[in-house]
Amino acid sequence: MDAYLIPAVDGVAYGLLLFVVAAGLTLAFGVGDVLNLAHGTLFAFGAYAAAKISDGSWSSLALAVLVGTAAAAGGGAILSALLVPLAGRGHLAQALLTFGVALVVGDLLVIVFSHDELPVTVPKSLDRPVDIAGHSYPGYRLAFIGVAALIAVVLYLVVARTRVGSLVRATVDDRDMVATLGVNPFMVRTGVLAAGGALAGLAGALGAPIIGPGPRTADLVLLLSLVVVVLGGMGSIGGALVAAIAVGEIQTVGVTAAPTIAPFILFGAMALVLAARARGLLPSGRTAS
C-alpha cells in the first residue's frame, strides 16, 4: 500500500482540478441547458495565461490567474450570446456550434502560442518537494489541493446558501416562473455560462503545472469533464465532486497498478456505474444537490 500513497494523493489533486472544471460544465448544463463542447478551450485560456505570464513570482501568478479567469468568463458570455439564435433547437445544434467554436479557437491558440506543450513556472516557495510519510511530493500540487478544496466549499455555499444560488436553483426548476417574477432567464443563463467559463479559466491557470497547456489539452480536459458530469449526474455539484475524485484516483492509481490496461479502466468503470445508475451517482435537477 505504501507504493500507492503518492499516486493516491496525486489522484486527489487531479480529481479536484477536474471538479473545478466540471463544476462550470454541469452548471452550464443544469441552469442554461447548454451542452458546451468549448469548455475545454476555456480551460486552455487559463493554462496558456499561466504559461506566458507566470515567471516564478507571486504577482505574476496572481496576474495569470486574473487574466485567465477573466478571458474564460468573457468567452462563456460570448458563447451565451452566440447560442441565442439556437433557442429551442435542442442540444445537437448547441453541440455543433460549441464544437465548431472549440475547433477554431483551439487552433488559434496553438498558432498564437505554440505547437508544443509549454512549461509553467511557479513561485520558488511552491516549487519544492514536500515529505509525505517518507515520500517526496511536489509542493505546488499539495498547495493546489488546499486551494481547490476551498474553491469547492465556496462554490457550494454560493449555490446553496445565497440569493444568487436560490435564483440559479429556481431557474433550473422552473424558468417560466422565474420569468413571471421579473427575472430574465437569459441573463441568468449568461451569468451562469460566464461563471462556468471563469471556473474553467481559474482551473486552467492554477492547474497548468498539473495539466500543462498544449495542442491536446482542451480535448483531454473536455473529455474528462464530460465523464465527471455524466458520472456525477447532470446538474449535481455534489455528484461532480464525488465523480471527479473517483476519476482522479482511477487515472493515477490505475496507471500505477495496471499501466497496460489503465486507459480502459476509466471507461469500464463509467459503463458499470451507468449500467447500475443510469442518471449518475447523485442525479438531481438541482445544481446544489
C-alpha atoms as a PDB file:
ATOM      1  CA  MET A   1       0.000   0.000   0.000  1.00  0.00           C
ATOM      2  CA  ASP A   2       2.946   2.330   0.600  1.00  0.00           C
ATOM      3  CA  ALA A   3       3.688   2.294  -3.126  1.00  0.00           C
ATOM      4  CA  TYR A   4       0.226   3.681  -3.853  1.00  0.00           C
ATOM      5  CA  LEU A   5       0.312   6.537  -1.320  1.00  0.00           C
ATOM      6  CA  ILE A   6       1.718   9.211  -3.644  1.00  0.00           C
ATOM      7  CA  PRO A   7      -0.453   8.176  -6.616  1.00  0.00           C
ATOM      8  CA  ALA A   8      -3.475   8.339  -4.289  1.00  0.00           C
ATOM      9  CA  VAL A   9      -2.557  11.875  -3.161  1.00  0.00           C
ATOM     10  CA  ASP A  10      -1.930  12.813  -6.774  1.00  0.00           C
ATOM     11  CA  GLY A  11      -5.365  11.418  -7.601  1.00  0.00           C
ATOM     12  CA  VAL A  12      -6.932  13.870  -5.147  1.00  0.00           C
ATOM     13  CA  ALA A  13      -5.107  16.801  -6.790  1.00  0.00           C
ATOM     14  CA  TYR A  14      -6.065  15.614 -10.271  1.00  0.00           C
ATOM     15  CA  GLY A  15      -9.634  14.967  -9.199  1.00  0.00           C
ATOM     16  CA  LEU A  16     -10.084  18.378  -7.587  1.00  0.00           C
ATOM     17  CA  LEU A  17      -8.738  20.015 -10.724  1.00  0.00           C
ATOM     18  CA  LEU A  18     -11.307  18.124 -12.785  1.00  0.00           C
ATOM     19  CA  PHE A  19     -14.011  19.110 -10.305  1.00  0.00           C
ATOM     20  CA  VAL A  20     -13.347  22.849 -10.662  1.00  0.00           C
ATOM     21  CA  VAL A  21     -13.564  22.478 -14.447  1.00  0.00           C
ATOM     22  CA  ALA A  22     -16.567  20.125 -14.441  1.00  0.00           C
ATOM     23  CA  ALA A  23     -18.484  22.286 -11.943  1.00  0.00           C
ATOM     24  CA  GLY A  24     -18.682  25.005 -14.575  1.00  0.00           C
ATOM     25  CA  LEU A  25     -19.776  22.488 -17.198  1.00  0.00           C
ATOM     26  CA  THR A  26     -22.514  20.992 -15.021  1.00  0.00           C
ATOM     27  CA  LEU A  27     -23.767  24.471 -14.068  1.00  0.00           C
ATOM     28  CA  ALA A  28     -23.972  25.390 -17.760  1.00  0.00           C
ATOM     29  CA  PHE A  29     -25.997  22.288 -18.484  1.00  0.00           C
ATOM     30  CA  GLY A  30     -28.126  22.314 -15.347  1.00  0.00           C
ATOM     31  CA  VAL A  31     -29.061  26.003 -15.441  1.00  0.00           C
ATOM     32  CA  GLY A  32     -28.582  27.120 -19.011  1.00  0.00           C
ATOM     33  CA  ASP A  33     -29.484  23.752 -20.534  1.00  0.00           C
ATOM     34  CA  VAL A  34     -26.374  24.246 -22.685  1.00  0.00           C
ATOM     35  CA  LEU A  35     -24.098  21.418 -23.778  1.00  0.00           C
ATOM     36  CA  ASN A  36     -20.878  23.410 -24.055  1.00  0.00           C
ATOM     37  CA  LEU A  37     -18.250  21.480 -26.010  1.00  0.00           C
ATOM     38  CA  ALA A  38     -15.970  24.526 -25.962  1.00  0.00           C
ATOM     39  CA  HIS A  39     -15.473  24.213 -22.199  1.00  0.00           C
ATOM     40  CA  GLY A  40     -12.039  22.619 -22.574  1.00  0.00           C
ATOM     41  CA  THR A  41     -10.944  25.589 -24.685  1.00  0.00           C
ATOM     42  CA  LEU A  42     -11.921  27.944 -21.855  1.00  0.00           C
ATOM     43  CA  PHE A  43      -9.629  25.880 -19.602  1.00  0.00           C
ATOM     44  CA  ALA A  44      -6.868  26.356 -22.177  1.00  0.00           C
ATOM     45  CA  PHE A  45      -7.263  30.159 -21.865  1.00  0.00           C
ATOM     46  CA  GLY A  46      -6.201  29.960 -18.243  1.00  0.00           C
ATOM     47  CA  ALA A  47      -3.452  27.425 -18.890  1.00  0.00           C
ATOM     48  CA  TYR A  48      -1.820  29.497 -21.641  1.00  0.00           C
ATOM     49  CA  ALA A  49      -2.121  32.627 -19.498  1.00  0.00           C
ATOM     50  CA  ALA A  50      -0.204  30.859 -16.724  1.00  0.00           C
ATOM     51  CA  ALA A  51       2.476  29.625 -19.131  1.00  0.00           C
ATOM     52  CA  LYS A  52       3.030  33.043 -20.688  1.00  0.00           C
ATOM     53  CA  ILE A  53       2.593  35.379 -17.711  1.00  0.00           C
ATOM     54  CA  SER A  54       3.823  33.471 -14.654  1.00  0.00           C
ATOM     55  CA  ASP A  55       7.587  33.961 -14.256  1.00  0.00           C
ATOM     56  CA  GLY A  56       8.053  32.493 -10.796  1.00  0.00           C
ATOM     57  CA  SER A  57       6.840  35.474  -8.761  1.00  0.00           C
ATOM     58  CA  TRP A  58       3.626  35.586  -6.758  1.00  0.00           C
ATOM     59  CA  SER A  59       2.483  38.756  -8.525  1.00  0.00           C
ATOM     60  CA  SER A  60       2.852  37.194 -11.971  1.00  0.00           C
ATOM     61  CA  LEU A  61       0.962  34.085 -10.861  1.00  0.00           C
ATOM     62  CA  ALA A  62      -1.851  36.252  -9.490  1.00  0.00           C
ATOM     63  CA  LEU A  63      -1.933  38.225 -12.761  1.00  0.00           C
ATOM     64  CA  ALA A  64      -2.058  34.986 -14.772  1.00  0.00           C
ATOM     65  CA  VAL A  65      -4.983  33.739 -12.683  1.00  0.00           C
ATOM     66  CA  LEU A  66      -6.798  37.063 -13.118  1.00  0.00           C
ATOM     67  CA  VAL A  67      -6.221  37.222 -16.890  1.00  0.00           C
ATOM     68  CA  GLY A  68      -7.063  33.568 -17.492  1.00  0.00           C
ATOM     69  CA  THR A  69     -10.215  33.709 -15.393  1.00  0.00           C
ATOM     70  CA  ALA A  70     -11.439  36.959 -16.974  1.00  0.00           C
ATOM     71  CA  ALA A  71     -10.732  35.751 -20.534  1.00  0.00           C
ATOM     72  CA  ALA A  72     -12.590  32.481 -19.959  1.00  0.00           C
ATOM     73  CA  ALA A  73     -15.517  34.274 -18.293  1.00  0.00           C
ATOM     74  CA  GLY A  74     -15.763  36.575 -21.303  1.00  0.00           C
ATOM     75  CA  GLY A  75     -15.635  33.541 -23.563  1.00  0.00           C
ATOM     76  CA  GLY A  76     -18.528  31.972 -21.669  1.00  0.00           C
ATOM     77  CA  ALA A  77     -20.615  35.130 -22.028  1.00  0.00           C
ATOM     78  CA  ILE A  78     -19.867  35.310 -25.775  1.00  0.00           C
ATOM     79  CA  LEU A  79     -20.930  31.679 -26.172  1.00  0.00           C
ATOM     80  CA  SER A  80     -24.218  32.500 -24.467  1.00  0.00           C
ATOM     81  CA  ALA A  81     -24.853  35.267 -26.999  1.00  0.00           C
ATOM     82  CA  LEU A  82     -23.922  33.006 -29.934  1.00  0.00           C
ATOM     83  CA  LEU A  83     -26.416  30.404 -28.724  1.00  0.00           C
ATOM     84  CA  VAL A  84     -29.394  32.787 -28.706  1.00  0.00           C
ATOM     85  CA  PRO A  85     -30.432  32.048 -32.327  1.00  0.00           C
ATOM     86  CA  LEU A  86     -30.431  28.320 -31.478  1.00  0.00           C
ATOM     87  CA  ALA A  87     -33.026  28.626 -28.703  1.00  0.00           C
ATOM     88  CA  GLY A  88     -35.423  25.710 -28.872  1.00  0.00           C
ATOM     89  CA  ARG A  89     -33.380  23.753 -31.418  1.00  0.00           C
ATOM     90  CA  GLY A  90     -32.057  21.199 -28.932  1.00  0.00           C
ATOM     91  CA  HIS A  91     -28.675  20.026 -27.724  1.00  0.00           C
ATOM     92  CA  LEU A  92     -27.423  18.787 -31.102  1.00  0.00           C
ATOM     93  CA  ALA A  93     -27.384  22.320 -32.533  1.00  0.00           C
ATOM     94  CA  GLN A  94     -25.653  23.575 -29.374  1.00  0.00           C
ATOM     95  CA  ALA A  95     -23.073  20.806 -29.572  1.00  0.00           C
ATOM     96  CA  LEU A  96     -22.313  21.568 -33.232  1.00  0.00           C
ATOM     97  CA  LEU A  97     -21.908  25.301 -32.594  1.00  0.00           C
ATOM     98  CA  THR A  98     -19.775  24.994 -29.472  1.00  0.00           C
ATOM     99  CA  PHE A  99     -17.688  22.207 -31.025  1.00  0.00           C
ATOM    100  CA  GLY A 100     -17.061  24.413 -34.053  1.00  0.00           C
ATOM    101  CA  VAL A 101     -16.027  27.278 -31.778  1.00  0.00           C
ATOM    102  CA  ALA A 102     -13.714  24.913 -29.895  1.00  0.00           C
ATOM    103  CA  LEU A 103     -12.022  23.781 -33.116  1.00  0.00           C
ATOM    104  CA  VAL A 104     -11.483  27.312 -34.423  1.00  0.00           C
ATOM    105  CA  VAL A 105     -10.370  28.896 -31.140  1.00  0.00           C
ATOM    106  CA  GLY A 106      -8.270  25.867 -30.216  1.00  0.00           C
ATOM    107  CA  ASP A 107      -6.343  26.096 -33.498  1.00  0.00           C
ATOM    108  CA  LEU A 108      -5.883  29.838 -32.999  1.00  0.00           C
ATOM    109  CA  LEU A 109      -4.437  29.283 -29.529  1.00  0.00           C
ATOM    110  CA  VAL A 110      -1.956  26.750 -30.900  1.00  0.00           C
ATOM    111  CA  ILE A 111      -0.934  29.103 -33.742  1.00  0.00           C
ATOM    112  CA  VAL A 112      -0.535  32.097 -31.423  1.00  0.00           C
ATOM    113  CA  PHE A 113       1.282  30.336 -28.595  1.00  0.00           C
ATOM    114  CA  SER A 114       2.976  27.075 -29.581  1.00  0.00           C
ATOM    115  CA  HIS A 115       2.506  23.696 -31.240  1.00  0.00           C
ATOM    116  CA  ASP A 116       4.340  22.113 -28.299  1.00  0.00           C
ATOM    117  CA  GLU A 117       3.457  21.777 -24.639  1.00  0.00           C
ATOM    118  CA  LEU A 118       4.592  24.822 -22.693  1.00  0.00           C
ATOM    119  CA  PRO A 119       6.324  24.742 -19.297  1.00  0.00           C
ATOM    120  CA  VAL A 120       4.798  26.673 -16.418  1.00  0.00           C
ATOM    121  CA  THR A 121       6.946  28.464 -13.843  1.00  0.00           C
ATOM    122  CA  VAL A 122       5.629  28.584 -10.275  1.00  0.00           C
ATOM    123  CA  PRO A 123       6.892  30.567  -7.264  1.00  0.00           C
ATOM    124  CA  LYS A 124      10.068  29.091  -5.796  1.00  0.00           C
ATOM    125  CA  SER A 125       8.463  28.609  -2.391  1.00  0.00           C
ATOM    126  CA  LEU A 126       5.994  26.204  -4.008  1.00  0.00           C
ATOM    127  CA  ASP A 127       8.497  24.615  -6.385  1.00  0.00           C
ATOM    128  CA  ARG A 128       9.909  22.363  -3.686  1.00  0.00           C
ATOM    129  CA  PRO A 129       9.219  18.760  -2.725  1.00  0.00           C
ATOM    130  CA  VAL A 130       7.234  18.070   0.431  1.00  0.00           C
ATOM    131  CA  ASP A 131       7.750  14.971   2.544  1.00  0.00           C
ATOM    132  CA  ILE A 132       4.656  12.768   2.925  1.00  0.00           C
ATOM    133  CA  ALA A 133       5.268   9.655   5.019  1.00  0.00           C
ATOM    134  CA  GLY A 134       8.820   9.422   3.729  1.00  0.00           C
ATOM    135  CA  HIS A 135       7.887  10.136   0.127  1.00  0.00           C
ATOM    136  CA  SER A 136       8.668  13.262  -1.879  1.00  0.00           C
ATOM    137  CA  TYR A 137       5.694  15.083  -3.354  1.00  0.00           C
ATOM    138  CA  PRO A 138       5.557  18.368  -5.353  1.00  0.00           C
ATOM    139  CA  GLY A 139       4.756  21.274  -3.060  1.00  0.00           C
ATOM    140  CA  TYR A 140       2.690  23.074  -5.677  1.00  0.00           C
ATOM    141  CA  ARG A 141       0.314  20.136  -6.071  1.00  0.00           C
ATOM    142  CA  LEU A 142      -0.191  19.926  -2.323  1.00  0.00           C
ATOM    143  CA  ALA A 143      -0.957  23.656  -2.221  1.00  0.00           C
ATOM    144  CA  PHE A 144      -3.340  23.217  -5.130  1.00  0.00           C
ATOM    145  CA  ILE A 145      -5.285  20.581  -3.189  1.00  0.00           C
ATOM    146  CA  GLY A 146      -5.908  23.122  -0.433  1.00  0.00           C
ATOM    147  CA  VAL A 147      -6.906  25.907  -2.847  1.00  0.00           C
ATOM    148  CA  ALA A 148      -9.190  23.642  -4.903  1.00  0.00           C
ATOM    149  CA  ALA A 149     -10.869  22.327  -1.746  1.00  0.00           C
ATOM    150  CA  LEU A 150     -11.520  25.935  -0.700  1.00  0.00           C
ATOM    151  CA  ILE A 151     -12.993  26.686  -4.139  1.00  0.00           C
ATOM    152  CA  ALA A 152     -15.292  23.664  -3.780  1.00  0.00           C
ATOM    153  CA  VAL A 153     -16.548  24.862  -0.382  1.00  0.00           C
ATOM    154  CA  VAL A 154     -17.107  28.436  -1.605  1.00  0.00           C
ATOM    155  CA  LEU A 155     -18.914  27.194  -4.706  1.00  0.00           C
ATOM    156  CA  TYR A 156     -21.231  25.024  -2.632  1.00  0.00           C
ATOM    157  CA  LEU A 157     -22.001  27.866  -0.218  1.00  0.00           C
ATOM    158  CA  VAL A 158     -22.719  30.310  -3.045  1.00  0.00           C
ATOM    159  CA  VAL A 159     -25.071  27.906  -4.837  1.00  0.00           C
ATOM    160  CA  ALA A 160     -26.752  26.521  -1.710  1.00  0.00           C
ATOM    161  CA  ARG A 161     -26.824  29.452   0.734  1.00  0.00           C
ATOM    162  CA  THR A 162     -27.058  32.756  -1.158  1.00  0.00           C
ATOM    163  CA  ARG A 163     -29.799  34.642  -3.036  1.00  0.00           C
ATOM    164  CA  VAL A 164     -27.819  34.211  -6.242  1.00  0.00           C
ATOM    165  CA  GLY A 165     -27.781  30.479  -5.642  1.00  0.00           C
ATOM    166  CA  SER A 166     -31.519  30.492  -4.942  1.00  0.00           C
ATOM    167  CA  LEU A 167     -32.126  32.248  -8.240  1.00  0.00           C
ATOM    168  CA  VAL A 168     -29.929  29.719 -10.021  1.00  0.00           C
ATOM    169  CA  ARG A 169     -31.783  26.786  -8.470  1.00  0.00           C
ATOM    170  CA  ALA A 170     -35.148  28.375  -9.221  1.00  0.00           C
ATOM    171  CA  THR A 171     -34.167  28.803 -12.865  1.00  0.00           C
ATOM    172  CA  VAL A 172     -33.275  25.117 -13.002  1.00  0.00           C
ATOM    173  CA  ASP A 173     -36.637  24.085 -11.558  1.00  0.00           C
ATOM    174  CA  ASP A 174     -38.995  26.463 -13.392  1.00  0.00           C
ATOM    175  CA  ARG A 175     -37.742  29.041 -15.905  1.00  0.00           C
ATOM    176  CA  ASP A 176     -41.253  30.287 -16.674  1.00  0.00           C
ATOM    177  CA  MET A 177     -41.958  31.045 -13.023  1.00  0.00           C
ATOM    178  CA  VAL A 178     -38.673  32.949 -12.741  1.00  0.00           C
ATOM    179  CA  ALA A 179     -39.672  34.998 -15.794  1.00  0.00           C
ATOM    180  CA  THR A 180     -43.038  35.904 -14.221  1.00  0.00           C
ATOM    181  CA  LEU A 181     -41.135  37.281 -11.210  1.00  0.00           C
ATOM    182  CA  GLY A 182     -39.439  39.800 -13.472  1.00  0.00           C
ATOM    183  CA  VAL A 183     -36.109  37.995 -13.851  1.00  0.00           C
ATOM    184  CA  ASN A 184     -34.797  37.402 -17.357  1.00  0.00           C
ATOM    185  CA  PRO A 185     -33.818  33.703 -17.620  1.00  0.00           C
ATOM    186  CA  PHE A 186     -31.472  34.602 -20.491  1.00  0.00           C
ATOM    187  CA  MET A 187     -29.483  36.904 -18.209  1.00  0.00           C
ATOM    188  CA  VAL A 188     -29.319  34.140 -15.604  1.00  0.00           C
ATOM    189  CA  ARG A 189     -28.043  31.733 -18.253  1.00  0.00           C
ATOM    190  CA  THR A 190     -25.481  34.264 -19.476  1.00  0.00           C
ATOM    191  CA  GLY A 191     -24.270  34.805 -15.926  1.00  0.00           C
ATOM    192  CA  VAL A 192     -24.019  31.079 -15.306  1.00  0.00           C
ATOM    193  CA  LEU A 193     -22.114  30.462 -18.554  1.00  0.00           C
ATOM    194  CA  ALA A 194     -19.750  33.309 -17.677  1.00  0.00           C
ATOM    195  CA  ALA A 195     -19.287  31.867 -14.184  1.00  0.00           C
ATOM    196  CA  GLY A 196     -18.741  28.405 -15.647  1.00  0.00           C
ATOM    197  CA  GLY A 197     -16.146  29.849 -18.012  1.00  0.00           C
ATOM    198  CA  ALA A 198     -14.481  31.641 -15.100  1.00  0.00           C
ATOM    199  CA  LEU A 199     -14.205  28.339 -13.220  1.00  0.00           C
ATOM    200  CA  ALA A 200     -12.637  26.707 -16.278  1.00  0.00           C
ATOM    201  CA  GLY A 201     -10.172  29.568 -16.709  1.00  0.00           C
ATOM    202  CA  LEU A 202      -9.336  29.561 -12.998  1.00  0.00           C
ATOM    203  CA  ALA A 203      -8.738  25.811 -13.108  1.00  0.00           C
ATOM    204  CA  GLY A 204      -6.565  26.256 -16.187  1.00  0.00           C
ATOM    205  CA  ALA A 205      -4.397  28.951 -14.611  1.00  0.00           C
ATOM    206  CA  LEU A 206      -3.985  27.146 -11.285  1.00  0.00           C
ATOM    207  CA  GLY A 207      -3.817  23.664 -12.786  1.00  0.00           C
ATOM    208  CA  ALA A 208      -1.399  24.432 -15.628  1.00  0.00           C
ATOM    209  CA  PRO A 209       1.542  22.862 -13.734  1.00  0.00           C
ATOM    210  CA  ILE A 210      -0.568  19.670 -13.459  1.00  0.00           C
ATOM    211  CA  ILE A 211      -2.154  19.576 -16.936  1.00  0.00           C
ATOM    212  CA  GLY A 212       0.106  21.819 -18.969  1.00  0.00           C
ATOM    213  CA  PRO A 213      -1.049  23.857 -21.979  1.00  0.00           C
ATOM    214  CA  GLY A 214      -0.574  22.106 -25.302  1.00  0.00           C
ATOM    215  CA  PRO A 215      -2.382  21.164 -28.534  1.00  0.00           C
ATOM    216  CA  ARG A 216      -4.309  18.322 -26.856  1.00  0.00           C
ATOM    217  CA  THR A 217      -5.047  19.992 -23.531  1.00  0.00           C
ATOM    218  CA  ALA A 218      -8.523  21.290 -24.388  1.00  0.00           C
ATOM    219  CA  ASP A 219      -9.649  17.919 -25.799  1.00  0.00           C
ATOM    220  CA  LEU A 220      -8.350  15.964 -22.802  1.00  0.00           C
ATOM    221  CA  VAL A 221      -9.928  18.297 -20.253  1.00  0.00           C
ATOM    222  CA  LEU A 222     -13.262  18.335 -22.094  1.00  0.00           C
ATOM    223  CA  LEU A 223     -13.366  14.541 -22.332  1.00  0.00           C
ATOM    224  CA  LEU A 224     -12.601  14.011 -18.646  1.00  0.00           C
ATOM    225  CA  SER A 225     -15.006  16.784 -17.606  1.00  0.00           C
ATOM    226  CA  LEU A 226     -17.820  15.171 -19.584  1.00  0.00           C
ATOM    227  CA  VAL A 227     -17.053  11.861 -17.869  1.00  0.00           C
ATOM    228  CA  VAL A 228     -17.258  13.603 -14.477  1.00  0.00           C
ATOM    229  CA  VAL A 229     -20.560  15.324 -15.322  1.00  0.00           C
ATOM    230  CA  VAL A 230     -22.165  12.144 -16.670  1.00  0.00           C
ATOM    231  CA  LEU A 231     -20.966  10.024 -13.763  1.00  0.00           C
ATOM    232  CA  GLY A 232     -21.914  12.587 -11.127  1.00  0.00           C
ATOM    233  CA  GLY A 233     -25.360  13.293 -12.517  1.00  0.00           C
ATOM    234  CA  MET A 234     -26.393  16.204 -14.714  1.00  0.00           C
ATOM    235  CA  GLY A 235     -26.620  19.434 -12.716  1.00  0.00           C
ATOM    236  CA  SER A 236     -25.260  17.964  -9.480  1.00  0.00           C
ATOM    237  CA  ILE A 237     -22.360  19.804  -7.832  1.00  0.00           C
ATOM    238  CA  GLY A 238     -22.032  17.142  -5.133  1.00  0.00           C
ATOM    239  CA  GLY A 239     -22.113  14.388  -7.726  1.00  0.00           C
ATOM    240  CA  ALA A 240     -19.441  16.159  -9.767  1.00  0.00           C
ATOM    241  CA  LEU A 241     -17.152  16.300  -6.715  1.00  0.00           C
ATOM    242  CA  VAL A 242     -17.548  12.594  -5.948  1.00  0.00           C
ATOM    243  CA  ALA A 243     -17.116  11.601  -9.585  1.00  0.00           C
ATOM    244  CA  ALA A 244     -14.093  13.873 -10.089  1.00  0.00           C
ATOM    245  CA  ILE A 245     -12.230  12.370  -7.140  1.00  0.00           C
ATOM    246  CA  ALA A 246     -13.076   8.885  -8.403  1.00  0.00           C
ATOM    247  CA  VAL A 247     -11.843   9.720 -11.912  1.00  0.00           C
ATOM    248  CA  GLY A 248      -8.669  11.262 -10.499  1.00  0.00           C
ATOM    249  CA  GLU A 249      -7.902   8.162  -8.460  1.00  0.00           C
ATOM    250  CA  ILE A 250      -8.603   5.828 -11.378  1.00  0.00           C
ATOM    251  CA  GLN A 251      -6.327   7.895 -13.616  1.00  0.00           C
ATOM    252  CA  THR A 252      -3.383   7.956 -11.189  1.00  0.00           C
ATOM    253  CA  VAL A 253      -3.621   4.796  -9.094  1.00  0.00           C
ATOM    254  CA  GLY A 254      -4.834   2.844 -12.132  1.00  0.00           C
ATOM    255  CA  VAL A 255      -1.729   3.778 -14.120  1.00  0.00           C
ATOM    256  CA  THR A 256       0.467   2.666 -11.202  1.00  0.00           C
ATOM    257  CA  ALA A 257      -1.353  -0.605 -10.543  1.00  0.00           C
ATOM    258  CA  ALA A 258      -2.132  -1.688 -14.101  1.00  0.00           C
ATOM    259  CA  PRO A 259      -0.369   0.500 -16.698  1.00  0.00           C
ATOM    260  CA  THR A 260      -1.218  -1.763 -19.661  1.00  0.00           C
ATOM    261  CA  ILE A 261      -4.976  -1.592 -19.138  1.00  0.00           C
ATOM    262  CA  ALA A 262      -5.178   1.824 -17.451  1.00  0.00           C
ATOM    263  CA  PRO A 263      -6.744   3.556 -20.489  1.00  0.00           C
ATOM    264  CA  PHE A 264      -9.669   1.117 -20.324  1.00  0.00           C
ATOM    265  CA  ILE A 265     -10.242   1.203 -16.570  1.00  0.00           C
ATOM    266  CA  LEU A 266     -11.908   4.628 -16.510  1.00  0.00           C
ATOM    267  CA  PHE A 267     -14.443   3.964 -19.240  1.00  0.00           C
ATOM    268  CA  GLY A 268     -15.077   0.449 -17.968  1.00  0.00           C
ATOM    269  CA  ALA A 269     -15.860   1.876 -14.532  1.00  0.00           C
ATOM    270  CA  MET A 270     -18.078   4.522 -16.135  1.00  0.00           C
ATOM    271  CA  ALA A 271     -20.012   1.842 -18.030  1.00  0.00           C
ATOM    272  CA  LEU A 272     -20.565  -0.149 -14.832  1.00  0.00           C
ATOM    273  CA  VAL A 273     -21.776   2.890 -12.886  1.00  0.00           C
ATOM    274  CA  LEU A 274     -24.170   3.967 -15.618  1.00  0.00           C
ATOM    275  CA  ALA A 275     -25.462   0.416 -16.013  1.00  0.00           C
ATOM    276  CA  ALA A 276     -26.368   0.412 -12.318  1.00  0.00           C
ATOM    277  CA  ARG A 277     -27.426   4.080 -12.059  1.00  0.00           C
ATOM    278  CA  ALA A 278     -28.308   5.470 -15.478  1.00  0.00           C
ATOM    279  CA  ARG A 279     -28.710   9.052 -14.164  1.00  0.00           C
ATOM    280  CA  GLY A 280     -25.314   9.112 -12.424  1.00  0.00           C
ATOM    281  CA  LEU A 281     -24.080   8.819  -8.851  1.00  0.00           C
ATOM    282  CA  LEU A 282     -26.093  11.742  -7.413  1.00  0.00           C
ATOM    283  CA  PRO A 283     -28.711  12.611 -10.029  1.00  0.00           C
ATOM    284  CA  SER A 284     -30.643  15.783  -9.482  1.00  0.00           C
ATOM    285  CA  GLY A 285     -32.288  18.603 -11.338  1.00  0.00           C
ATOM    286  CA  ARG A 286     -30.924  20.982  -8.710  1.00  0.00           C
ATOM    287  CA  THR A 287     -27.417  22.299  -9.029  1.00  0.00           C
ATOM    288  CA  ALA A 288     -26.874  22.378  -5.278  1.00  0.00           C
ATOM    289  CA  SER A 289     -27.599  18.742  -4.694  1.00  0.00           C
END
